[in-house]
Amino acid sequence: MENWKNIKLELGDKRANLILSRPQVHNAINPELIEEMHEALKIIAERDEIQFLVLSGEGKSFCAGADIAWFAGAVDKSKADNWQEYLRMAELLKALHELPKVTIAAAHRNVLGGANGLVAACDFVVAERSTAFAFGEVKLGIVPATITPFVACRVSVQNMRKLMFSGDRFWATEAQLVGLVDFLAEDGKMEQVVDQLIDGLKDSSPNALRACKQLLLKVGSGELTVESSEHTAAVLAELIESDEGQEGLRAFLEKRKPDWQKLNVVEN
């Protein structure tokens, strides 16, 4: 971790903070940052004690999108080399989207271009009211290709037409209306809103949260449909038999809050 130059990772009690750390360029994305984020997500995925990941940006912006120096250098690279770099970005978004933790993007000031993919890939997005968003790729003669599938999980195709065809900036209130943002925070109050969200989720069974996320990912990919009765019944039966399922049911019958902490076995 000490060798990372573009990100920071803080591991605490049940929570990991992954911080984009190129404040001098508004945390713009480049291949080195992408590779470091791949490494960080792998570490987080392997830590069973971590339930929540908060993704944020250091300095004046969450993320200004792709580093213009990276894209400018593309003209001197082969098509195959460019494809490989863009593939790594797409794979990063997929890894974030499928991470077996509850993921929260904490956005402020600017969320531009590819940064919209990072927030869209998270389970929840909290944004300060003054945050500006934009899909400006078309104004550069390119398109937001790698991020589109993840934005489409949150935003309707018609709203994406409005936002991506124009490339204009829009603000956090509109981002919430179209589904890109889940919760608004007053400027300077971001951490309080994130803490409140996490505190509310801590009442839920950690294993149940993971299982629920997997179900929703399968629904989003089309793998889970109304024809998946055997699978959904099996998931429920397995969870009811689990330690956390038993604790949750006993707590309900005994009219008390479940104590997830006392369970030593963390099921996958």
Protein backbone atom coordinates (compact mmCIF):
# COMPACT_ATOMS: atom_id res chain seq x y z
CA MET A 1 0.00 0.00 0.00
CA GLU A 2 2.85 2.38 0.79
CA ASN A 3 3.92 2.32 -2.85
CA TRP A 4 0.64 3.72 -4.14
CA LYS A 5 0.98 7.23 -5.51
CA ASN A 6 -2.54 7.91 -6.75
CA ILE A 7 -4.85 6.52 -4.08
CA LYS A 8 -5.04 6.01 -0.33
CA LEU A 9 -6.67 3.12 1.50
CA GLU A 10 -7.77 3.31 5.14
CA LEU A 11 -9.00 0.12 6.81
CA GLY A 12 -11.02 0.56 9.98
CA ASP A 13 -13.78 -1.12 11.96
CA LYS A 14 -16.06 -2.69 9.33
CA ARG A 15 -15.26 0.15 6.92
CA ALA A 16 -12.69 0.86 4.24
CA ASN A 17 -12.07 4.33 2.87
CA LEU A 18 -10.68 4.36 -0.67
CA ILE A 19 -9.54 7.88 -1.53
CA LEU A 20 -8.54 9.13 -4.96
CA SER A 21 -5.38 11.09 -4.24
CA ARG A 22 -4.25 13.19 -7.20
CA PRO A 23 -5.59 16.50 -5.89
CA GLN A 24 -3.24 18.55 -8.06
CA VAL A 25 -5.21 17.37 -11.14
CA HIS A 26 -8.60 17.00 -9.43
CA ASN A 27 -8.05 13.23 -9.08
CA ALA A 28 -8.10 12.69 -12.83
CA ILE A 29 -8.01 9.04 -13.89
CA ASN A 30 -4.91 7.58 -15.54
CA PRO A 31 -3.65 4.01 -16.07
CA GLU A 32 -1.58 4.07 -12.88
CA LEU A 33 -4.58 5.08 -10.75
CA ILE A 34 -6.67 2.37 -12.40
CA GLU A 35 -4.12 -0.33 -11.56
CA GLU A 36 -3.78 0.87 -7.97
CA MET A 37 -7.56 0.78 -7.56
CA HIS A 38 -7.62 -2.79 -8.88
CA GLU A 39 -5.11 -3.72 -6.16
CA ALA A 40 -7.07 -1.90 -3.45
CA LEU A 41 -10.38 -3.52 -4.38
CA LYS A 42 -8.76 -6.95 -4.25
CA ILE A 43 -7.50 -6.25 -0.73
CA ILE A 44 -10.93 -5.02 0.37
CA ALA A 45 -12.72 -8.01 -1.17
CA GLU A 46 -10.51 -10.42 0.78
CA ARG A 47 -11.14 -8.76 4.16
CA ASP A 48 -14.22 -10.49 5.61
CA GLU A 49 -14.41 -8.00 8.47
CA ILE A 50 -14.95 -5.10 6.05
CA GLN A 51 -18.64 -4.56 5.31
CA PHE A 52 -18.59 -1.07 3.80
CA LEU A 53 -16.44 0.75 1.26
CA VAL A 54 -16.57 4.54 0.97
CA LEU A 55 -15.06 5.95 -2.22
CA SER A 56 -14.11 9.63 -2.14
CA GLY A 57 -11.74 12.16 -3.67
CA GLU A 58 -9.04 14.21 -1.97
CA GLY A 59 -8.91 17.96 -2.46
CA LYS A 60 -11.23 20.20 -4.45
CA SER A 61 -12.99 17.54 -6.55
CA PHE A 62 -14.21 13.97 -6.36
CA CYS A 63 -12.81 13.26 -9.83
CA ALA A 64 -12.42 15.27 -13.02
CA GLY A 65 -12.65 12.20 -15.26
CA ALA A 66 -9.88 10.93 -17.48
CA ASP A 67 -6.54 12.70 -17.28
CA ILE A 68 -6.30 14.80 -20.43
CA ALA A 69 -2.60 13.92 -20.68
CA TRP A 70 -3.56 10.23 -20.82
CA PHE A 71 -6.06 10.78 -23.62
CA ALA A 72 -3.74 13.13 -25.47
CA GLY A 73 -1.08 10.42 -25.49
CA ALA A 74 -3.51 8.00 -27.11
CA VAL A 75 -2.87 9.50 -30.55
CA ASP A 76 0.67 8.11 -30.45
CA LYS A 77 -0.33 4.61 -29.33
CA SER A 78 -1.60 1.67 -31.32
CA LYS A 79 -5.28 0.86 -31.35
CA ALA A 80 -4.48 -2.39 -29.50
CA ASP A 81 -2.62 -0.56 -26.73
CA ASN A 82 -5.43 1.95 -26.29
CA TRP A 83 -7.98 -0.87 -26.22
CA GLN A 84 -6.04 -2.63 -23.46
CA GLU A 85 -5.95 0.48 -21.28
CA TYR A 86 -9.65 1.19 -21.74
CA LEU A 87 -10.43 -2.45 -21.01
CA ARG A 88 -8.69 -2.11 -17.65
CA MET A 89 -10.97 0.83 -16.85
CA ALA A 90 -14.04 -1.19 -17.79
CA GLU A 91 -12.78 -4.10 -15.66
CA LEU A 92 -12.24 -1.73 -12.74
CA LEU A 93 -15.84 -0.53 -12.91
CA LYS A 94 -17.04 -4.13 -13.03
CA ALA A 95 -14.91 -5.04 -10.00
CA LEU A 96 -16.33 -2.09 -8.07
CA HIS A 97 -19.88 -2.89 -9.18
CA GLU A 98 -19.57 -6.54 -8.08
CA LEU A 99 -17.54 -5.98 -4.90
CA PRO A 100 -19.09 -8.12 -2.12
CA LYS A 101 -19.39 -5.11 0.18
CA VAL A 102 -21.83 -2.23 0.45
CA THR A 103 -20.18 0.51 -1.61
CA ILE A 104 -20.83 4.22 -1.15
CA ALA A 105 -19.51 7.01 -3.38
CA ALA A 106 -19.08 10.31 -1.55
CA ALA A 107 -18.99 12.96 -4.29
CA HIS A 108 -18.19 16.65 -4.07
CA ARG A 109 -17.44 19.62 -6.33
CA ASN A 110 -16.84 17.88 -9.71
CA VAL A 111 -17.87 14.48 -11.10
CA LEU A 112 -16.89 14.61 -14.75
CA GLY A 113 -16.66 12.07 -17.58
CA GLY A 114 -15.38 8.72 -16.38
CA ALA A 115 -15.95 9.72 -12.76
CA ASN A 116 -19.64 9.16 -13.40
CA GLY A 117 -18.79 5.51 -13.98
CA LEU A 118 -17.12 5.29 -10.58
CA VAL A 119 -20.14 6.69 -8.76
CA ALA A 120 -22.64 4.71 -10.85
CA ALA A 121 -20.83 1.45 -10.06
CA CYS A 122 -21.42 1.97 -6.33
CA ASP A 123 -24.47 0.78 -4.40
CA PHE A 124 -25.18 4.26 -3.04
CA VAL A 125 -24.12 7.76 -4.07
CA VAL A 126 -24.04 10.68 -1.65
CA ALA A 127 -23.32 14.09 -3.20
CA GLU A 128 -22.98 17.58 -1.81
CA ARG A 129 -25.58 19.95 -3.25
CA SER A 130 -22.98 22.05 -5.07
CA THR A 131 -21.54 19.05 -6.94
CA ALA A 132 -21.40 19.44 -10.73
CA PHE A 133 -21.75 16.44 -13.04
CA ALA A 134 -21.09 16.18 -16.78
CA PHE A 135 -20.70 13.63 -19.55
CA GLY A 136 -18.55 15.80 -21.78
CA GLU A 137 -17.01 13.12 -23.99
CA VAL A 138 -19.00 13.99 -27.14
CA LYS A 139 -17.46 17.47 -27.11
CA LEU A 140 -14.06 15.79 -27.49
CA GLY A 141 -15.15 13.58 -30.36
CA ILE A 142 -15.44 10.44 -28.23
CA VAL A 143 -18.16 8.71 -26.20
CA PRO A 144 -18.55 7.55 -22.56
CA ALA A 145 -18.36 3.94 -23.71
CA THR A 146 -16.82 2.10 -20.75
CA ILE A 147 -19.05 3.78 -18.17
CA THR A 148 -22.36 3.57 -20.06
CA PRO A 149 -23.42 0.07 -18.87
CA PHE A 150 -22.96 1.13 -15.24
CA VAL A 151 -24.71 4.47 -15.63
CA ALA A 152 -27.55 2.58 -17.34
CA CYS A 153 -28.06 0.60 -14.13
CA ARG A 154 -29.18 3.85 -12.54
CA VAL A 155 -30.34 6.25 -15.25
CA SER A 156 -32.94 5.67 -17.97
CA VAL A 157 -31.77 5.58 -21.58
CA GLN A 158 -33.82 8.68 -22.36
CA ASN A 159 -32.20 10.63 -19.54
CA MET A 160 -28.79 9.43 -20.72
CA ARG A 161 -29.60 10.84 -24.16
CA LYS A 162 -30.31 14.22 -22.59
CA LEU A 163 -27.13 14.21 -20.53
CA MET A 164 -24.68 12.51 -22.90
CA PHE A 165 -25.72 14.08 -26.21
CA SER A 166 -25.32 17.62 -24.88
CA GLY A 167 -22.32 17.08 -22.62
CA ASP A 168 -23.56 19.98 -20.50
CA ARG A 169 -23.01 20.25 -16.77
CA PHE A 170 -25.86 19.49 -14.39
CA TRP A 171 -26.08 19.68 -10.63
CA ALA A 172 -26.60 17.28 -7.77
CA THR A 173 -30.33 17.96 -7.46
CA GLU A 174 -30.89 16.95 -11.11
CA ALA A 175 -28.52 14.01 -10.68
CA GLN A 176 -30.74 12.81 -7.85
CA LEU A 177 -33.88 13.25 -9.95
CA VAL A 178 -32.52 11.03 -12.75
CA GLY A 179 -31.19 8.41 -10.32
CA LEU A 180 -27.45 9.02 -10.47
CA VAL A 181 -27.41 10.28 -6.86
CA ASP A 182 -29.25 8.68 -3.93
CA PHE A 183 -28.72 11.16 -1.09
CA LEU A 184 -27.94 14.87 -1.01
CA ALA A 185 -25.71 16.41 1.65
CA GLU A 186 -25.36 20.07 2.47
CA ASP A 187 -21.92 21.35 1.55
CA GLY A 188 -19.46 20.35 4.25
CA LYS A 189 -21.85 17.76 5.73
CA MET A 190 -20.87 14.83 3.54
CA GLU A 191 -19.30 12.70 6.27
CA GLN A 192 -22.33 13.02 8.55
CA VAL A 193 -24.67 11.76 5.82
CA VAL A 194 -22.35 8.86 4.97
CA ASP A 195 -22.05 7.92 8.66
CA GLN A 196 -25.85 7.99 9.07
CA LEU A 197 -26.26 5.73 6.04
CA ILE A 198 -23.72 3.21 7.35
CA ASP A 199 -25.14 3.30 10.88
CA GLY A 200 -28.57 2.43 9.50
CA LEU A 201 -27.19 -0.47 7.48
CA LYS A 202 -25.31 -1.91 10.47
CA ASP A 203 -28.64 -3.15 11.85
CA SER A 204 -28.85 -5.55 8.92
CA SER A 205 -27.25 -8.98 8.81
CA PRO A 206 -23.85 -8.76 7.07
CA ASN A 207 -24.41 -12.09 5.31
CA ALA A 208 -27.91 -11.07 4.25
CA LEU A 209 -26.58 -7.82 2.80
CA ARG A 210 -24.03 -9.73 0.73
CA ALA A 211 -26.62 -12.23 -0.44
CA CYS A 212 -29.08 -9.46 -1.30
CA LYS A 213 -26.45 -7.66 -3.34
CA GLN A 214 -25.70 -10.85 -5.26
CA LEU A 215 -29.39 -11.32 -6.02
CA LEU A 216 -29.70 -7.75 -7.29
CA LEU A 217 -26.61 -8.13 -9.47
CA LYS A 218 -28.14 -11.24 -11.01
CA VAL A 219 -31.39 -9.37 -11.63
CA GLY A 220 -29.50 -6.53 -13.28
CA SER A 221 -27.60 -8.89 -15.56
CA GLY A 222 -30.75 -10.79 -16.53
CA GLU A 223 -29.45 -13.98 -14.91
CA LEU A 224 -32.22 -13.95 -12.29
CA THR A 225 -35.79 -13.87 -13.62
CA VAL A 226 -39.28 -15.04 -12.66
CA GLU A 227 -38.14 -18.43 -13.96
CA SER A 228 -35.44 -18.68 -11.24
CA SER A 229 -37.71 -20.10 -8.53
CA GLU A 230 -35.44 -23.00 -7.56
CA HIS A 231 -32.44 -20.70 -7.11
CA THR A 232 -34.27 -18.06 -5.06
CA ALA A 233 -35.84 -20.69 -2.81
CA ALA A 234 -32.41 -22.25 -2.26
CA VAL A 235 -30.88 -18.89 -1.32
CA LEU A 236 -33.60 -18.25 1.26
CA ALA A 237 -33.42 -21.77 2.70
CA GLU A 238 -29.64 -21.52 3.09
CA LEU A 239 -29.80 -18.15 4.84
CA ILE A 240 -32.51 -19.29 7.25
CA GLU A 241 -30.29 -22.21 8.24
CA SER A 242 -27.24 -19.96 8.71
CA ASP A 243 -26.05 -18.64 12.07
CA GLU A 244 -27.14 -15.11 11.23
CA GLY A 245 -30.50 -16.31 9.95
CA GLN A 246 -31.11 -18.21 13.17
CA GLU A 247 -30.03 -15.24 15.28
CA GLY A 248 -32.29 -12.90 13.32
CA LEU A 249 -35.34 -15.14 13.74
CA ARG A 250 -34.68 -15.72 17.46
CA ALA A 251 -34.27 -11.97 18.00
CA PHE A 252 -37.58 -11.32 16.24
CA LEU A 253 -39.41 -13.88 18.38
CA GLU A 254 -37.75 -12.59 21.56
CA LYS A 255 -38.53 -8.97 20.65
CA ARG A 256 -34.91 -7.81 20.77
CA LYS A 257 -32.32 -6.53 18.32
CA PRO A 258 -30.14 -9.24 16.76
CA ASP A 259 -26.55 -9.37 17.93
CA TRP A 260 -24.49 -9.99 14.80
CA GLN A 261 -21.27 -9.24 16.68
CA LYS A 262 -21.48 -12.31 18.87
CA LEU A 263 -21.43 -14.64 15.89
CA ASN A 264 -17.86 -15.74 15.26
CA VAL A 265 -18.50 -17.52 11.96
CA VAL A 266 -18.76 -15.25 8.92
CA GLU A 267 -20.40 -17.16 6.11
CA ASN A 268 -19.66 -16.51 2.46
